[in-house]
Amino acid sequence: MTELEKEEGGARPALGRSFLSRWCGVVLPDFRAQVAFWLLLTAGLLLDLCSKSAVFDRLARRGSVSIINGFLQLVRTENAGAAFGIATGQRYLLITVSIIALIVIFGVFLFSGAEQRLVHAALGLLAAGVCGNLYDRIFNDGRVRDFIDIVYWKGRHWPAFNLADSMLCIGVGLLIISTLWASDRSSHSFTERSSQTRARRHK
């Protein structure tokens, strides 16, 4: 195979990425990253909305259902604010912030590169979580449906939350892990390069 054939044949699958890399310095996520991101976003959003609907329908006539006695129960409650009741009643502000957050998440995903698998998974979960609660703020009169109630100490309850909130927390956790991992790898790479440079000097 000639160099021209290699260039025409081998580079064809990545023409879009090569073009953007050359002219804009951008490397878009590859096909696997796209599948992972959109699959997590779609599945997470459906799971969140279906779980809210199922629990609220089930608890329409009952106050709560105990899952693990004294620790975990399902309740029916609505939050007109953000986490811990922040900005309660500020429906349009929270909708605007959620939309901005989604735009940022999509932007970070598109410009995150091709090899950031953990980051892509984290961003998919974050997008699903934001979309799940945004749906409630738009279509449920600004109130987010929460149903998971945890007793972390006798008589003390963690503020009720939902699966969207859980996905947001997991997504943030994965981003922190990926950042620490990247930092560790960079440090290890720098140490290796320094060692190689010193070794060359001693030769």
C-alpha atoms as a PDB file:
ATOM      1  CA  MET A   1       0.000   0.000   0.000  1.00  0.00           C
ATOM      2  CA  THR A   2       1.419   3.390  -0.991  1.00  0.00           C
ATOM      3  CA  GLU A   3       1.686   6.348   1.308  1.00  0.00           C
ATOM      4  CA  LEU A   4      -1.170   8.001  -0.616  1.00  0.00           C
ATOM      5  CA  GLU A   5      -3.399   4.949  -0.163  1.00  0.00           C
ATOM      6  CA  LYS A   6      -2.560   4.820   3.528  1.00  0.00           C
ATOM      7  CA  GLU A   7      -3.364   8.471   3.861  1.00  0.00           C
ATOM      8  CA  GLU A   8      -6.655   8.141   1.973  1.00  0.00           C
ATOM      9  CA  GLY A   9      -7.764   4.872   3.527  1.00  0.00           C
ATOM     10  CA  GLY A  10      -6.436   5.033   7.073  1.00  0.00           C
ATOM     11  CA  ALA A  11      -7.425   8.598   7.824  1.00  0.00           C
ATOM     12  CA  ARG A  12     -10.937   8.413   6.357  1.00  0.00           C
ATOM     13  CA  PRO A  13     -12.791   7.255   9.531  1.00  0.00           C
ATOM     14  CA  ALA A  14     -11.442  10.221  11.481  1.00  0.00           C
ATOM     15  CA  LEU A  15     -11.748  12.922   8.810  1.00  0.00           C
ATOM     16  CA  GLY A  16     -14.125  15.033  10.929  1.00  0.00           C
ATOM     17  CA  ARG A  17     -11.913  14.875  13.973  1.00  0.00           C
ATOM     18  CA  SER A  18      -8.771  15.483  11.911  1.00  0.00           C
ATOM     19  CA  PHE A  19     -10.312  18.508  10.206  1.00  0.00           C
ATOM     20  CA  LEU A  20     -11.393  20.059  13.509  1.00  0.00           C
ATOM     21  CA  SER A  21      -8.073  19.206  15.127  1.00  0.00           C
ATOM     22  CA  ARG A  22      -6.175  20.872  12.294  1.00  0.00           C
ATOM     23  CA  TRP A  23      -8.254  24.021  12.000  1.00  0.00           C
ATOM     24  CA  CYS A  24      -9.720  24.506  15.478  1.00  0.00           C
ATOM     25  CA  GLY A  25      -7.465  22.447  17.707  1.00  0.00           C
ATOM     26  CA  VAL A  26     -10.506  20.396  18.772  1.00  0.00           C
ATOM     27  CA  VAL A  27     -10.657  16.609  19.144  1.00  0.00           C
ATOM     28  CA  LEU A  28     -14.283  15.471  19.429  1.00  0.00           C
ATOM     29  CA  PRO A  29     -15.218  12.407  21.501  1.00  0.00           C
ATOM     30  CA  ASP A  30     -15.182   9.233  19.426  1.00  0.00           C
ATOM     31  CA  PHE A  31     -18.122   6.941  18.644  1.00  0.00           C
ATOM     32  CA  ARG A  32     -17.783   4.887  21.848  1.00  0.00           C
ATOM     33  CA  ALA A  33     -17.738   8.036  23.949  1.00  0.00           C
ATOM     34  CA  GLN A  34     -20.829   9.356  22.152  1.00  0.00           C
ATOM     35  CA  VAL A  35     -22.694   6.080  22.752  1.00  0.00           C
ATOM     36  CA  ALA A  36     -21.728   5.994  26.445  1.00  0.00           C
ATOM     37  CA  PHE A  37     -22.693   9.629  27.048  1.00  0.00           C
ATOM     38  CA  TRP A  38     -26.062   9.548  25.276  1.00  0.00           C
ATOM     39  CA  LEU A  39     -26.932   6.114  26.658  1.00  0.00           C
ATOM     40  CA  LEU A  40     -26.260   7.224  30.234  1.00  0.00           C
ATOM     41  CA  LEU A  41     -28.195  10.452  29.669  1.00  0.00           C
ATOM     42  CA  THR A  42     -31.230   8.706  28.153  1.00  0.00           C
ATOM     43  CA  ALA A  43     -31.306   5.725  30.524  1.00  0.00           C
ATOM     44  CA  GLY A  44     -30.686   7.902  33.585  1.00  0.00           C
ATOM     45  CA  LEU A  45     -33.431  10.355  32.651  1.00  0.00           C
ATOM     46  CA  LEU A  46     -35.974   7.595  31.982  1.00  0.00           C
ATOM     47  CA  LEU A  47     -35.059   5.814  35.221  1.00  0.00           C
ATOM     48  CA  ASP A  48     -35.456   9.018  37.214  1.00  0.00           C
ATOM     49  CA  LEU A  49     -38.808  10.001  35.715  1.00  0.00           C
ATOM     50  CA  CYS A  50     -40.241   6.456  35.889  1.00  0.00           C
ATOM     51  CA  SER A  51     -39.150   6.006  39.518  1.00  0.00           C
ATOM     52  CA  LYS A  52     -40.717   9.334  40.532  1.00  0.00           C
ATOM     53  CA  SER A  53     -43.970   8.472  38.795  1.00  0.00           C
ATOM     54  CA  ALA A  54     -44.101   4.931  40.218  1.00  0.00           C
ATOM     55  CA  VAL A  55     -43.372   5.960  43.821  1.00  0.00           C
ATOM     56  CA  PHE A  56     -45.717   8.933  43.808  1.00  0.00           C
ATOM     57  CA  ASP A  57     -48.520   6.820  42.329  1.00  0.00           C
ATOM     58  CA  ARG A  58     -47.894   4.062  44.883  1.00  0.00           C
ATOM     59  CA  LEU A  59     -47.829   6.481  47.800  1.00  0.00           C
ATOM     60  CA  ALA A  60     -50.874   8.461  46.692  1.00  0.00           C
ATOM     61  CA  ARG A  61     -52.873   7.014  49.610  1.00  0.00           C
ATOM     62  CA  ARG A  62     -50.024   6.194  52.003  1.00  0.00           C
ATOM     63  CA  GLY A  63     -47.598   8.494  53.751  1.00  0.00           C
ATOM     64  CA  SER A  64     -44.502   6.325  53.447  1.00  0.00           C
ATOM     65  CA  VAL A  65     -43.181   2.804  52.862  1.00  0.00           C
ATOM     66  CA  SER A  66     -40.326   1.409  54.954  1.00  0.00           C
ATOM     67  CA  ILE A  67     -37.583  -0.367  52.986  1.00  0.00           C
ATOM     68  CA  ILE A  68     -34.976  -0.846  55.732  1.00  0.00           C
ATOM     69  CA  ASN A  69     -36.551  -0.293  59.118  1.00  0.00           C
ATOM     70  CA  GLY A  70     -35.072   2.717  60.895  1.00  0.00           C
ATOM     71  CA  PHE A  71     -32.752   3.603  58.006  1.00  0.00           C
ATOM     72  CA  LEU A  72     -34.409   3.832  54.585  1.00  0.00           C
ATOM     73  CA  GLN A  73     -37.969   4.591  53.558  1.00  0.00           C
ATOM     74  CA  LEU A  74     -39.857   5.929  50.561  1.00  0.00           C
ATOM     75  CA  VAL A  75     -41.808   9.124  51.099  1.00  0.00           C
ATOM     76  CA  ARG A  76     -43.748  11.524  48.940  1.00  0.00           C
ATOM     77  CA  THR A  77     -42.412  15.050  49.118  1.00  0.00           C
ATOM     78  CA  GLU A  78     -41.799  17.976  46.775  1.00  0.00           C
ATOM     79  CA  ASN A  79     -39.036  20.567  46.875  1.00  0.00           C
ATOM     80  CA  ALA A  80     -39.636  24.016  45.390  1.00  0.00           C
ATOM     81  CA  GLY A  81     -35.930  24.870  45.693  1.00  0.00           C
ATOM     82  CA  ALA A  82     -32.533  23.392  44.960  1.00  0.00           C
ATOM     83  CA  ALA A  83     -30.510  21.113  47.262  1.00  0.00           C
ATOM     84  CA  PHE A  84     -31.240  21.683  50.974  1.00  0.00           C
ATOM     85  CA  GLY A  85     -34.060  24.077  50.046  1.00  0.00           C
ATOM     86  CA  ILE A  86     -31.760  26.721  48.516  1.00  0.00           C
ATOM     87  CA  ALA A  87     -33.580  29.352  46.393  1.00  0.00           C
ATOM     88  CA  THR A  88     -36.993  28.022  47.412  1.00  0.00           C
ATOM     89  CA  GLY A  89     -39.769  29.400  45.209  1.00  0.00           C
ATOM     90  CA  GLN A  90     -37.342  30.800  42.611  1.00  0.00           C
ATOM     91  CA  ARG A  91     -38.708  28.595  39.824  1.00  0.00           C
ATOM     92  CA  TYR A  92     -37.509  30.580  36.804  1.00  0.00           C
ATOM     93  CA  LEU A  93     -34.102  31.228  38.327  1.00  0.00           C
ATOM     94  CA  LEU A  94     -33.616  27.499  38.938  1.00  0.00           C
ATOM     95  CA  ILE A  95     -34.814  26.635  35.421  1.00  0.00           C
ATOM     96  CA  THR A  96     -32.345  29.151  33.959  1.00  0.00           C
ATOM     97  CA  VAL A  97     -29.471  27.816  36.069  1.00  0.00           C
ATOM     98  CA  SER A  98     -30.330  24.241  35.023  1.00  0.00           C
ATOM     99  CA  ILE A  99     -30.351  25.153  31.329  1.00  0.00           C
ATOM    100  CA  ILE A 100     -26.993  26.928  31.678  1.00  0.00           C
ATOM    101  CA  ALA A 101     -25.611  23.884  33.505  1.00  0.00           C
ATOM    102  CA  LEU A 102     -26.766  21.636  30.648  1.00  0.00           C
ATOM    103  CA  ILE A 103     -25.109  23.871  28.053  1.00  0.00           C
ATOM    104  CA  VAL A 104     -21.859  23.767  30.044  1.00  0.00           C
ATOM    105  CA  ILE A 105     -22.052  19.955  30.386  1.00  0.00           C
ATOM    106  CA  PHE A 106     -22.621  19.493  26.637  1.00  0.00           C
ATOM    107  CA  GLY A 107     -19.799  21.934  25.870  1.00  0.00           C
ATOM    108  CA  VAL A 108     -17.354  20.182  28.184  1.00  0.00           C
ATOM    109  CA  PHE A 109     -18.325  16.831  26.664  1.00  0.00           C
ATOM    110  CA  LEU A 110     -17.790  17.992  23.080  1.00  0.00           C
ATOM    111  CA  PHE A 111     -14.370  19.459  23.883  1.00  0.00           C
ATOM    112  CA  SER A 112     -13.219  16.833  26.395  1.00  0.00           C
ATOM    113  CA  GLY A 113     -11.191  14.838  23.865  1.00  0.00           C
ATOM    114  CA  ALA A 114     -11.451  11.266  22.719  1.00  0.00           C
ATOM    115  CA  GLU A 115      -9.886   9.325  25.586  1.00  0.00           C
ATOM    116  CA  GLN A 116     -11.559  10.720  28.706  1.00  0.00           C
ATOM    117  CA  ARG A 117     -13.816   7.700  29.347  1.00  0.00           C
ATOM    118  CA  LEU A 118     -14.427   8.389  33.036  1.00  0.00           C
ATOM    119  CA  VAL A 119     -15.164  12.040  32.310  1.00  0.00           C
ATOM    120  CA  HIS A 120     -17.647  11.067  29.571  1.00  0.00           C
ATOM    121  CA  ALA A 121     -19.491   8.760  32.000  1.00  0.00           C
ATOM    122  CA  ALA A 122     -19.532  11.483  34.668  1.00  0.00           C
ATOM    123  CA  LEU A 123     -20.899  14.059  32.222  1.00  0.00           C
ATOM    124  CA  GLY A 124     -23.601  11.637  31.033  1.00  0.00           C
ATOM    125  CA  LEU A 125     -24.766  11.138  34.634  1.00  0.00           C
ATOM    126  CA  LEU A 126     -24.643  14.871  35.348  1.00  0.00           C
ATOM    127  CA  ALA A 127     -26.718  15.613  32.240  1.00  0.00           C
ATOM    128  CA  ALA A 128     -29.278  12.953  33.224  1.00  0.00           C
ATOM    129  CA  GLY A 129     -29.550  14.358  36.738  1.00  0.00           C
ATOM    130  CA  VAL A 130     -29.976  17.943  35.573  1.00  0.00           C
ATOM    131  CA  CYS A 131     -32.577  16.923  32.947  1.00  0.00           C
ATOM    132  CA  GLY A 132     -34.553  14.859  35.479  1.00  0.00           C
ATOM    133  CA  ASN A 133     -34.975  17.720  37.929  1.00  0.00           C
ATOM    134  CA  LEU A 134     -35.398  20.282  35.136  1.00  0.00           C
ATOM    135  CA  TYR A 135     -38.367  18.275  33.831  1.00  0.00           C
ATOM    136  CA  ASP A 136     -40.072  18.609  37.217  1.00  0.00           C
ATOM    137  CA  ARG A 137     -39.343  22.320  37.466  1.00  0.00           C
ATOM    138  CA  ILE A 138     -40.914  22.910  34.055  1.00  0.00           C
ATOM    139  CA  PHE A 139     -43.856  20.482  34.165  1.00  0.00           C
ATOM    140  CA  ASN A 140     -44.577  20.136  37.905  1.00  0.00           C
ATOM    141  CA  ASP A 141     -45.130  23.789  38.783  1.00  0.00           C
ATOM    142  CA  GLY A 142     -41.505  24.267  39.822  1.00  0.00           C
ATOM    143  CA  ARG A 143     -41.521  21.474  42.427  1.00  0.00           C
ATOM    144  CA  VAL A 144     -39.034  18.606  42.209  1.00  0.00           C
ATOM    145  CA  ARG A 145     -40.385  15.222  43.326  1.00  0.00           C
ATOM    146  CA  ASP A 146     -38.238  13.592  46.038  1.00  0.00           C
ATOM    147  CA  PHE A 147     -38.916  10.202  47.590  1.00  0.00           C
ATOM    148  CA  ILE A 148     -35.767   8.681  49.142  1.00  0.00           C
ATOM    149  CA  ASP A 149     -35.602   9.309  52.897  1.00  0.00           C
ATOM    150  CA  ILE A 150     -32.536   8.194  54.872  1.00  0.00           C
ATOM    151  CA  VAL A 151     -32.146   8.311  58.662  1.00  0.00           C
ATOM    152  CA  TYR A 152     -28.422   8.932  59.224  1.00  0.00           C
ATOM    153  CA  TRP A 153     -28.786   9.223  63.017  1.00  0.00           C
ATOM    154  CA  LYS A 154     -31.583   8.343  65.386  1.00  0.00           C
ATOM    155  CA  GLY A 155     -34.319  10.911  64.791  1.00  0.00           C
ATOM    156  CA  ARG A 156     -32.256  12.755  62.163  1.00  0.00           C
ATOM    157  CA  HIS A 157     -33.216  12.555  58.485  1.00  0.00           C
ATOM    158  CA  TRP A 158     -31.120  13.516  55.500  1.00  0.00           C
ATOM    159  CA  PRO A 159     -33.138  15.841  53.215  1.00  0.00           C
ATOM    160  CA  ALA A 160     -35.252  13.667  50.900  1.00  0.00           C
ATOM    161  CA  PHE A 161     -33.802  13.208  47.413  1.00  0.00           C
ATOM    162  CA  ASN A 162     -34.379  11.313  44.160  1.00  0.00           C
ATOM    163  CA  LEU A 163     -32.392   9.333  41.586  1.00  0.00           C
ATOM    164  CA  ALA A 164     -31.517  12.493  39.644  1.00  0.00           C
ATOM    165  CA  ASP A 165     -29.818  13.875  42.769  1.00  0.00           C
ATOM    166  CA  SER A 166     -27.963  10.571  43.192  1.00  0.00           C
ATOM    167  CA  MET A 167     -26.712  10.707  39.590  1.00  0.00           C
ATOM    168  CA  LEU A 168     -25.504  14.264  40.134  1.00  0.00           C
ATOM    169  CA  CYS A 169     -23.522  13.201  43.208  1.00  0.00           C
ATOM    170  CA  ILE A 170     -22.032  10.168  41.435  1.00  0.00           C
ATOM    171  CA  GLY A 171     -21.131  12.315  38.414  1.00  0.00           C
ATOM    172  CA  VAL A 172     -19.320  14.858  40.602  1.00  0.00           C
ATOM    173  CA  GLY A 173     -17.526  12.012  42.406  1.00  0.00           C
ATOM    174  CA  LEU A 174     -16.336  10.524  39.101  1.00  0.00           C
ATOM    175  CA  LEU A 175     -15.066  13.926  37.954  1.00  0.00           C
ATOM    176  CA  ILE A 176     -13.059  14.297  41.174  1.00  0.00           C
ATOM    177  CA  ILE A 177     -11.611  10.784  40.758  1.00  0.00           C
ATOM    178  CA  SER A 178     -10.695  11.453  37.113  1.00  0.00           C
ATOM    179  CA  THR A 179      -9.001  14.724  38.088  1.00  0.00           C
ATOM    180  CA  LEU A 180      -6.966  13.045  40.838  1.00  0.00           C
ATOM    181  CA  TRP A 181      -6.093  10.168  38.510  1.00  0.00           C
ATOM    182  CA  ALA A 182      -4.979  12.545  35.740  1.00  0.00           C
ATOM    183  CA  SER A 183      -2.908  14.500  38.264  1.00  0.00           C
ATOM    184  CA  ASP A 184      -1.263  11.326  39.517  1.00  0.00           C
ATOM    185  CA  ARG A 185      -0.480  10.173  35.969  1.00  0.00           C
ATOM    186  CA  SER A 186       0.955  13.585  35.063  1.00  0.00           C
ATOM    187  CA  SER A 187       3.130  13.549  38.164  1.00  0.00           C
ATOM    188  CA  HIS A 188       4.288   9.991  37.394  1.00  0.00           C
ATOM    189  CA  SER A 189       5.041  10.975  33.783  1.00  0.00           C
ATOM    190  CA  PHE A 190       6.996  14.024  34.907  1.00  0.00           C
ATOM    191  CA  THR A 191       9.029  11.887  37.352  1.00  0.00           C
ATOM    192  CA  GLU A 192       9.819   9.376  34.599  1.00  0.00           C
ATOM    193  CA  ARG A 193      10.926  12.102  32.177  1.00  0.00           C
ATOM    194  CA  SER A 194      13.129  13.661  34.859  1.00  0.00           C
ATOM    195  CA  SER A 195      14.725  10.295  35.608  1.00  0.00           C
ATOM    196  CA  GLN A 196      15.367   9.660  31.910  1.00  0.00           C
ATOM    197  CA  THR A 197      16.911  13.116  31.505  1.00  0.00           C
ATOM    198  CA  ARG A 198      19.228  12.560  34.482  1.00  0.00           C
ATOM    199  CA  ALA A 199      20.200   9.141  33.138  1.00  0.00           C
ATOM    200  CA  ARG A 200      21.106  10.610  29.753  1.00  0.00           C
ATOM    201  CA  ARG A 201      23.231  13.272  31.385  1.00  0.00           C
ATOM    202  CA  HIS A 202      25.204  10.691  33.337  1.00  0.00           C
ATOM    203  CA  LYS A 203      26.032   8.681  30.197  1.00  0.00           C
END
